[in-house]
Protein backbone atom coordinates (compact mmCIF):
# COMPACT_ATOMS: atom_id res chain seq x y z
CA MET A 1 113.40 85.05 65.36
CA ARG A 2 109.98 83.23 65.53
CA TRP A 3 108.50 82.34 68.87
CA ARG A 4 106.47 79.13 68.93
CA ILE A 5 103.38 78.97 71.15
CA PRO A 6 101.54 76.03 70.74
CA LEU A 7 97.78 76.41 69.51
CA VAL A 8 94.36 74.94 68.42
CA ALA A 9 92.18 71.42 68.32
CA LEU A 10 88.90 71.65 70.44
CA LEU A 11 88.03 68.39 72.38
CA ALA A 12 84.55 68.40 74.18
CA LEU A 13 83.82 65.19 76.46
CA PHE A 14 80.32 64.51 77.84
CA VAL A 15 79.67 62.22 80.61
CA ALA A 16 76.60 61.31 82.44
CA ALA A 17 76.14 59.63 85.60
CA SER A 18 72.94 59.10 87.77
CA CYS A 19 72.90 60.25 91.52
CA ASP A 20 71.36 56.75 92.40
CA GLN A 21 73.46 54.67 90.38
CA GLN A 22 70.60 53.33 88.73
CA PRO A 23 70.86 52.78 84.50
CA ALA A 24 69.33 55.93 82.98
CA GLU A 25 67.38 56.78 79.77
CA PRO A 26 69.87 57.86 77.32
CA ASP A 27 69.94 61.57 76.92
CA THR A 28 69.10 63.45 73.67
CA GLU A 29 72.05 64.06 71.67
CA GLN A 30 73.51 67.42 71.65
CA VAL A 31 75.28 68.91 68.91
CA THR A 32 77.97 71.69 69.35
CA GLU A 33 78.58 74.18 66.60
CA ALA A 34 82.41 74.53 65.88
CA PRO A 35 83.54 78.23 66.65
CA ALA A 36 84.50 79.84 63.25
CA PHE A 37 88.08 79.63 61.97
CA ALA A 38 90.54 82.40 63.13
CA LEU A 39 94.15 81.95 63.37
CA MET A 40 94.47 82.94 66.93
CA ASN A 41 91.38 80.83 68.31
CA GLY A 42 91.82 77.51 70.25
CA PRO A 43 93.67 76.34 73.38
CA GLU A 44 97.19 77.14 73.96
CA ASN A 45 98.45 73.27 74.11
CA PRO A 46 97.32 71.51 70.85
CA GLY A 47 98.86 67.99 71.98
CA LYS A 48 100.15 66.48 68.78
CA SER A 49 97.96 67.91 66.38
CA GLY A 50 100.80 69.42 64.27
CA VAL A 51 99.28 72.66 64.45
CA GLU A 52 100.56 75.75 66.55
CA ARG A 53 100.16 79.45 66.67
CA LEU A 54 102.90 82.15 66.77
CA TYR A 55 102.68 85.81 67.64
CA TRP A 56 105.78 87.72 66.80
CA GLU A 57 107.47 91.07 65.86
CA ASP A 58 109.92 90.60 63.28
CA CYS A 59 110.97 91.77 59.93
CA TRP A 60 109.97 89.02 57.59
CA TRP A 61 108.70 91.37 54.60
CA CYS A 62 110.12 94.46 55.86
CA GLY A 63 110.99 96.09 52.42
CA THR A 64 109.75 95.06 49.18
CA VAL A 65 110.64 96.39 45.58
CA ASP A 66 108.61 96.23 42.27
CA GLY A 67 109.93 94.40 39.53
CA ASP A 68 110.85 97.63 37.51
CA GLY A 69 112.80 98.76 40.41
CA VAL A 70 110.57 102.14 40.81
CA TYR A 71 109.09 101.58 44.38
CA LEU A 72 110.38 100.39 47.49
CA ALA A 73 107.50 99.60 50.03
CA ALA A 74 108.46 99.94 53.72
CA HIS A 75 106.00 97.72 55.72
CA TYR A 76 106.54 99.56 59.10
CA GLN A 77 106.71 103.23 60.51
CA GLY A 78 109.31 104.45 58.07
CA ASP A 79 109.63 107.67 59.87
CA ASP A 80 110.13 106.58 63.39
CA MET A 81 111.89 103.51 63.62
CA TRP A 82 114.49 102.48 66.20
CA PHE A 83 117.29 102.17 63.85
CA CYS A 84 116.86 105.86 63.01
CA GLY A 85 116.62 106.99 66.94
CA GLY A 86 112.77 106.56 66.85
CA SER A 87 110.34 104.44 69.08
CA SER A 88 108.61 102.06 66.69
CA TYR A 89 109.60 98.42 65.79
CA PHE A 90 108.16 96.05 63.53
CA HIS A 91 104.52 95.12 63.28
CA PRO A 92 103.36 91.75 64.95
CA TRP A 93 102.25 89.21 62.97
CA GLU A 94 99.68 86.30 63.44
CA THR A 95 100.86 83.18 62.15
CA GLN A 96 99.44 79.54 62.28
CA VAL A 97 102.06 76.73 61.40
CA VAL A 98 100.85 73.42 60.25
CA ARG A 99 103.30 70.50 60.23
CA ASN A 100 103.02 67.26 58.58
CA HIS A 101 104.54 64.56 56.26
CA ASN A 102 104.55 67.48 53.28
CA GLY A 103 106.68 69.81 55.51
CA GLU A 104 105.82 73.13 57.05
CA HIS A 105 103.33 75.57 56.23
CA TYR A 106 103.19 79.19 57.34
CA ASN A 107 99.94 81.25 57.16
CA ASN A 108 100.62 84.66 58.54
CA GLN A 109 98.35 87.79 58.64
CA ALA A 110 98.96 91.38 59.95
CA TYR A 111 96.51 94.16 59.88
CA ASP A 112 96.66 98.12 59.63
CA VAL A 113 100.37 97.97 59.20
CA PRO A 114 102.16 101.04 58.58
CA LEU A 115 103.35 101.73 54.95
CA PHE A 116 105.69 104.08 53.28
CA ILE A 117 106.39 104.04 49.63
CA TYR A 118 109.83 105.52 48.37
CA SER A 119 111.31 106.07 45.31
CA TRP A 120 113.73 103.00 45.18
CA SER A 121 116.87 104.90 43.37
CA ASP A 122 116.29 107.74 45.43
CA LEU A 123 116.41 105.99 48.87
CA GLN A 124 119.32 104.00 47.58
CA SER A 125 121.19 107.51 46.60
CA ALA A 126 120.54 108.99 50.34
CA CYS A 127 121.49 105.80 51.96
CA SER A 128 124.89 105.88 50.39
CA ILE A 129 125.82 109.27 51.80
CA SER A 130 125.26 108.62 55.73
CA GLN A 131 123.27 107.07 58.17
CA GLU A 132 121.86 110.54 59.16
CA ALA A 133 120.98 111.32 55.34
CA CYS A 134 119.27 107.87 54.94
CA CYS A 135 117.04 108.59 58.30
CA GLU A 136 116.31 111.87 57.30
CA PHE A 137 114.92 110.61 53.70
CA ARG A 138 113.08 108.07 55.36
CA ALA A 139 111.01 110.42 57.43
CA GLU A 140 110.73 113.22 54.61
CA GLY A 141 111.33 111.68 51.35
CA TRP A 142 108.65 109.23 51.13
CA MET A 143 106.12 109.52 48.00
CA TYR A 144 103.27 107.65 49.58
CA ARG A 145 102.24 106.83 53.16
CA GLY A 146 99.25 104.89 54.67
CA THR A 147 98.27 101.41 56.24
CA HIS A 148 97.61 98.13 54.58
CA ASP A 149 96.87 94.41 55.65
CA MET A 150 99.20 91.85 54.69
CA VAL A 151 98.60 87.90 54.09
CA ALA A 152 101.94 85.79 53.70
CA LEU A 153 102.37 82.07 52.87
CA ASP A 154 105.64 80.42 53.30
CA ASN A 155 105.66 76.65 52.41
CA TRP A 156 108.39 74.54 52.93
CA GLN A 157 108.69 70.73 51.29
CA ALA A 158 111.77 68.78 51.38
CA ASN A 159 114.25 71.13 49.16
CA ARG A 160 111.35 72.98 47.54
CA TRP A 161 109.77 76.21 48.97
CA TYR A 162 107.96 79.02 48.01
CA GLN A 163 107.10 82.47 49.87
CA GLN A 164 104.29 84.61 48.86
CA MET A 165 102.86 88.06 50.29
CA ASN A 166 99.73 89.79 49.04
CA ALA A 167 98.78 93.19 50.51
CA HIS A 168 96.21 95.72 50.07
CA GLY A 169 95.56 99.26 51.56
CA ILE A 170 94.92 103.27 50.97
CA VAL A 171 97.84 105.58 50.55
CA TYR A 172 98.31 109.33 50.62
CA ASP A 173 100.56 111.72 48.64
CA HIS A 174 102.16 114.62 50.74
CA ASP A 175 99.05 116.82 49.23
CA GLY A 176 96.68 114.61 50.88
CA ASN A 177 95.38 112.75 47.79
CA GLU A 178 94.22 109.09 48.20
CA TYR A 179 95.40 106.25 46.24
CA GLN A 180 94.59 102.50 46.31
CA TYR A 181 97.76 99.94 46.84
CA ARG A 182 97.93 96.28 46.19
CA GLU A 183 101.09 94.33 45.96
CA ARG A 184 102.18 90.97 45.52
CA GLN A 185 105.46 89.42 45.81
CA LYS A 186 106.42 85.70 45.26
CA LEU A 187 109.87 83.99 45.36
CA THR A 188 110.28 80.19 44.76
CA SER A 189 113.37 77.70 44.89
CA GLU A 190 112.94 76.98 41.41
CA HIS A 191 112.12 79.83 39.66
CA GLY A 192 113.14 82.78 41.74
CA TRP A 193 111.13 86.02 41.95
CA THR A 194 108.01 84.98 39.67
CA HIS A 195 106.25 88.31 40.88
CA GLU A 196 107.34 91.75 42.28
CA GLU A 197 104.19 94.07 41.77
CA ILE A 198 103.47 97.27 43.42
CA VAL A 199 100.68 99.11 42.16
CA ILE A 200 99.03 102.45 43.20
CA LYS A 201 96.33 104.07 41.55
């Protein structure tokens, strides 16, 4: 579930009053530079701006597969998850939500997310044996591991919607060799999966 914490929109009001109640000369106009955009800046209560911020820990894009079914990317600490007796949970997301007459638009960011990449067929085989075999494979059977940054969009308009995730980072094999990782996933209500790409090179 997503916890909704209202966000954004800064207003500054300047009032000048003279001590002796006499008319005063107008002050020189002051211009305040707006703060640089960041998902998590701004006040807690945006009023009726239609914009809010969320900070939540959930499994939205928890596991993704490439279009050829070669890789499964686990976007969490694959060798120490709570469902295998470990202590780790899903990585927190920073989310900005905009609601207007066109629907709801979610902009999500997550940084330094643990990444474990497995052979999709081998993971399925291990997990078909038992929970213990599945957890053992998650801890030891990975092909690559590292960290990555993720940006996800989730747009809902009437009966049409799409979800998209882009990610990149650095991963290592069991011998410590370094690889560039990038991923793109996109799902639409009209066309289904239009992108399922995981690249390691």
